[in-house]
Amino acid sequence: MSPTWPPEAANAPGSEQLLTLLDTTTGEGLVIHLWNDQAAYDSFAARRQELVAQSKELGSTVDSGRLYEVTYRS
């Protein structure tokens, strides 16, 4: 993950919450990014691809990602 990823993505218009989870013993991680709506998610798509490419250049292995809908929130 590039050093600019979390702050830039977290502050993108329409970003509601960004969580990065890291297993410190293996170095594996997971990013959960909540967006206000589909339009906000879509508008960040091009920049997301640039950040993923930067992360890969730094040696990170980045999954292509999965899109889930929030079905419960407390």
N, C-alpha and C. Protein backbone atom coordinates (compact mmCIF):
# COMPACT_ATOMS: atom_id res chain seq x y z
N MET A 1 0.85 -1.17 0.00
CA MET A 1 0.00 0.00 0.00
C MET A 1 0.90 1.23 0.00
N SER A 2 0.62 2.17 -0.86
CA SER A 2 1.48 3.35 -0.92
C SER A 2 1.24 4.24 0.29
N PRO A 3 2.26 4.98 0.72
CA PRO A 3 2.11 5.84 1.90
C PRO A 3 1.03 6.91 1.74
N THR A 4 0.72 7.30 0.50
CA THR A 4 -0.30 8.34 0.30
C THR A 4 -1.71 7.77 0.26
N TRP A 5 -1.83 6.45 0.11
CA TRP A 5 -3.15 5.85 -0.08
C TRP A 5 -4.14 6.17 1.03
N PRO A 6 -3.89 5.79 2.27
CA PRO A 6 -4.94 6.00 3.27
C PRO A 6 -5.41 7.45 3.42
N PRO A 7 -4.51 8.43 3.61
CA PRO A 7 -5.01 9.80 3.79
C PRO A 7 -5.74 10.34 2.55
N GLU A 8 -5.19 10.11 1.39
CA GLU A 8 -5.82 10.63 0.17
C GLU A 8 -7.18 9.99 -0.05
N ALA A 9 -7.26 8.69 0.06
CA ALA A 9 -8.52 8.00 -0.16
C ALA A 9 -9.54 8.36 0.92
N ALA A 10 -9.08 8.44 2.16
CA ALA A 10 -9.99 8.75 3.27
C ALA A 10 -10.58 10.14 3.14
N ASN A 11 -9.86 11.06 2.51
CA ASN A 11 -10.33 12.43 2.37
C ASN A 11 -10.97 12.72 1.02
N ALA A 12 -11.14 11.71 0.20
CA ALA A 12 -11.77 11.89 -1.10
C ALA A 12 -13.24 12.27 -0.91
N PRO A 13 -13.78 13.10 -1.79
CA PRO A 13 -15.19 13.45 -1.69
C PRO A 13 -16.07 12.20 -1.68
N GLY A 14 -16.97 12.11 -0.72
CA GLY A 14 -17.87 10.98 -0.62
C GLY A 14 -17.34 9.82 0.19
N SER A 15 -16.09 9.91 0.66
CA SER A 15 -15.53 8.85 1.50
C SER A 15 -16.10 9.00 2.90
N GLU A 16 -16.66 7.93 3.41
CA GLU A 16 -17.26 7.98 4.75
C GLU A 16 -16.32 7.43 5.81
N GLN A 17 -15.67 6.31 5.52
CA GLN A 17 -14.77 5.69 6.50
C GLN A 17 -13.79 4.80 5.76
N LEU A 18 -12.54 4.80 6.21
CA LEU A 18 -11.52 3.94 5.64
C LEU A 18 -10.84 3.22 6.78
N LEU A 19 -10.85 1.90 6.72
CA LEU A 19 -10.19 1.07 7.74
C LEU A 19 -9.11 0.26 7.05
N THR A 20 -7.93 0.22 7.63
CA THR A 20 -6.88 -0.65 7.13
C THR A 20 -6.55 -1.63 8.25
N LEU A 21 -6.64 -2.90 7.95
CA LEU A 21 -6.39 -3.96 8.91
C LEU A 21 -5.09 -4.65 8.51
N LEU A 22 -4.20 -4.88 9.46
CA LEU A 22 -2.92 -5.49 9.16
C LEU A 22 -2.61 -6.60 10.15
N ASP A 23 -2.24 -7.75 9.62
CA ASP A 23 -1.73 -8.84 10.43
C ASP A 23 -0.23 -8.61 10.51
N THR A 24 0.25 -8.15 11.64
CA THR A 24 1.66 -7.77 11.77
C THR A 24 2.60 -8.97 11.74
N THR A 25 2.08 -10.17 11.96
CA THR A 25 2.95 -11.34 11.90
C THR A 25 3.20 -11.80 10.47
N THR A 26 2.24 -11.57 9.58
CA THR A 26 2.40 -12.01 8.19
C THR A 26 2.61 -10.86 7.21
N GLY A 27 2.21 -9.65 7.62
CA GLY A 27 2.28 -8.51 6.72
C GLY A 27 1.08 -8.40 5.79
N GLU A 28 0.15 -9.34 5.92
CA GLU A 28 -1.06 -9.30 5.09
C GLU A 28 -2.02 -8.27 5.65
N GLY A 29 -2.76 -7.64 4.75
CA GLY A 29 -3.69 -6.62 5.20
C GLY A 29 -4.97 -6.61 4.40
N LEU A 30 -5.89 -5.81 4.87
CA LEU A 30 -7.19 -5.66 4.25
C LEU A 30 -7.61 -4.21 4.40
N VAL A 31 -8.16 -3.65 3.35
CA VAL A 31 -8.68 -2.29 3.39
C VAL A 31 -10.19 -2.36 3.23
N ILE A 32 -10.90 -1.70 4.13
CA ILE A 32 -12.35 -1.58 4.04
C ILE A 32 -12.65 -0.10 3.89
N HIS A 33 -13.25 0.26 2.77
CA HIS A 33 -13.52 1.66 2.49
C HIS A 33 -15.03 1.84 2.28
N LEU A 34 -15.63 2.63 3.13
CA LEU A 34 -17.06 2.90 3.04
C LEU A 34 -17.28 4.23 2.33
N TRP A 35 -18.17 4.22 1.36
CA TRP A 35 -18.48 5.40 0.57
C TRP A 35 -19.92 5.81 0.82
N ASN A 36 -20.21 7.09 0.65
CA ASN A 36 -21.57 7.58 0.85
C ASN A 36 -22.55 6.99 -0.15
N ASP A 37 -22.08 6.78 -1.38
CA ASP A 37 -22.96 6.22 -2.41
C ASP A 37 -22.12 5.69 -3.58
N GLN A 38 -22.77 5.05 -4.50
CA GLN A 38 -22.09 4.46 -5.66
C GLN A 38 -21.40 5.53 -6.50
N ALA A 39 -22.01 6.69 -6.63
CA ALA A 39 -21.42 7.75 -7.43
C ALA A 39 -20.07 8.20 -6.85
N ALA A 40 -19.98 8.31 -5.54
CA ALA A 40 -18.72 8.70 -4.89
C ALA A 40 -17.65 7.63 -5.13
N TYR A 41 -18.05 6.38 -5.00
CA TYR A 41 -17.13 5.27 -5.26
C TYR A 41 -16.63 5.32 -6.70
N ASP A 42 -17.55 5.49 -7.63
CA ASP A 42 -17.20 5.52 -9.05
C ASP A 42 -16.30 6.70 -9.40
N SER A 43 -16.54 7.85 -8.76
CA SER A 43 -15.75 9.03 -9.10
C SER A 43 -14.29 8.90 -8.67
N PHE A 44 -14.00 8.04 -7.72
CA PHE A 44 -12.63 7.84 -7.26
C PHE A 44 -11.94 6.70 -8.00
N ALA A 45 -12.63 6.04 -8.92
CA ALA A 45 -12.13 4.83 -9.58
C ALA A 45 -10.79 5.03 -10.29
N ALA A 46 -10.64 6.09 -11.05
CA ALA A 46 -9.40 6.29 -11.80
C ALA A 46 -8.23 6.51 -10.85
N ARG A 47 -8.43 7.32 -9.82
CA ARG A 47 -7.36 7.58 -8.87
C ARG A 47 -7.04 6.32 -8.08
N ARG A 48 -8.05 5.52 -7.77
CA ARG A 48 -7.83 4.26 -7.06
C ARG A 48 -6.88 3.36 -7.87
N GLN A 49 -7.10 3.28 -9.18
CA GLN A 49 -6.24 2.45 -10.02
C GLN A 49 -4.80 2.96 -10.03
N GLU A 50 -4.63 4.28 -10.02
CA GLU A 50 -3.28 4.85 -9.95
C GLU A 50 -2.60 4.48 -8.63
N LEU A 51 -3.33 4.58 -7.54
CA LEU A 51 -2.77 4.25 -6.23
C LEU A 51 -2.43 2.77 -6.11
N VAL A 52 -3.26 1.92 -6.67
CA VAL A 52 -2.98 0.48 -6.68
C VAL A 52 -1.70 0.21 -7.48
N ALA A 53 -1.55 0.86 -8.63
CA ALA A 53 -0.35 0.68 -9.44
C ALA A 53 0.88 1.13 -8.68
N GLN A 54 0.80 2.26 -7.98
CA GLN A 54 1.92 2.75 -7.18
C GLN A 54 2.28 1.75 -6.08
N SER A 55 1.27 1.18 -5.44
CA SER A 55 1.51 0.21 -4.38
C SER A 55 2.22 -1.02 -4.92
N LYS A 56 1.80 -1.47 -6.10
CA LYS A 56 2.44 -2.63 -6.72
C LYS A 56 3.90 -2.33 -7.06
N GLU A 57 4.18 -1.11 -7.51
CA GLU A 57 5.55 -0.72 -7.83
C GLU A 57 6.43 -0.75 -6.58
N LEU A 58 5.83 -0.51 -5.42
CA LEU A 58 6.57 -0.52 -4.16
C LEU A 58 6.70 -1.93 -3.58
N GLY A 59 6.16 -2.92 -4.31
CA GLY A 59 6.32 -4.30 -3.89
C GLY A 59 5.12 -4.91 -3.20
N SER A 60 4.03 -4.17 -3.09
CA SER A 60 2.83 -4.72 -2.47
C SER A 60 2.09 -5.62 -3.46
N THR A 61 1.42 -6.61 -2.93
CA THR A 61 0.52 -7.43 -3.73
C THR A 61 -0.88 -6.90 -3.46
N VAL A 62 -1.55 -6.47 -4.51
CA VAL A 62 -2.85 -5.84 -4.34
C VAL A 62 -3.90 -6.64 -5.10
N ASP A 63 -4.93 -7.06 -4.40
CA ASP A 63 -6.06 -7.77 -5.00
C ASP A 63 -6.83 -6.77 -5.86
N SER A 64 -7.51 -7.26 -6.85
CA SER A 64 -8.28 -6.37 -7.73
C SER A 64 -9.45 -5.71 -7.00
N GLY A 65 -9.80 -6.23 -5.85
CA GLY A 65 -10.85 -5.62 -5.05
C GLY A 65 -12.20 -6.28 -5.24
N ARG A 66 -13.02 -6.11 -4.26
CA ARG A 66 -14.39 -6.63 -4.29
C ARG A 66 -15.31 -5.53 -3.80
N LEU A 67 -16.47 -5.45 -4.36
CA LEU A 67 -17.43 -4.43 -3.97
C LEU A 67 -18.58 -5.10 -3.23
N TYR A 68 -18.79 -4.67 -2.01
CA TYR A 68 -19.87 -5.20 -1.17
C TYR A 68 -20.79 -4.06 -0.80
N GLU A 69 -22.06 -4.36 -0.59
CA GLU A 69 -23.00 -3.38 -0.07
C GLU A 69 -23.14 -3.58 1.43
N VAL A 70 -23.21 -2.49 2.16
CA VAL A 70 -23.44 -2.57 3.61
C VAL A 70 -24.89 -2.93 3.82
N THR A 71 -25.13 -4.04 4.54
CA THR A 71 -26.51 -4.46 4.77
C THR A 71 -26.93 -4.26 6.22
N TYR A 72 -25.97 -3.98 7.09
CA TYR A 72 -26.29 -3.68 8.48
C TYR A 72 -25.24 -2.74 9.02
N ARG A 73 -25.69 -1.76 9.76
CA ARG A 73 -24.77 -0.83 10.39
C ARG A 73 -25.37 -0.37 11.70
N SER A 74 -24.59 -0.40 12.77
CA SER A 74 -25.12 0.01 14.07
C SER A 74 -24.79 1.46 14.35
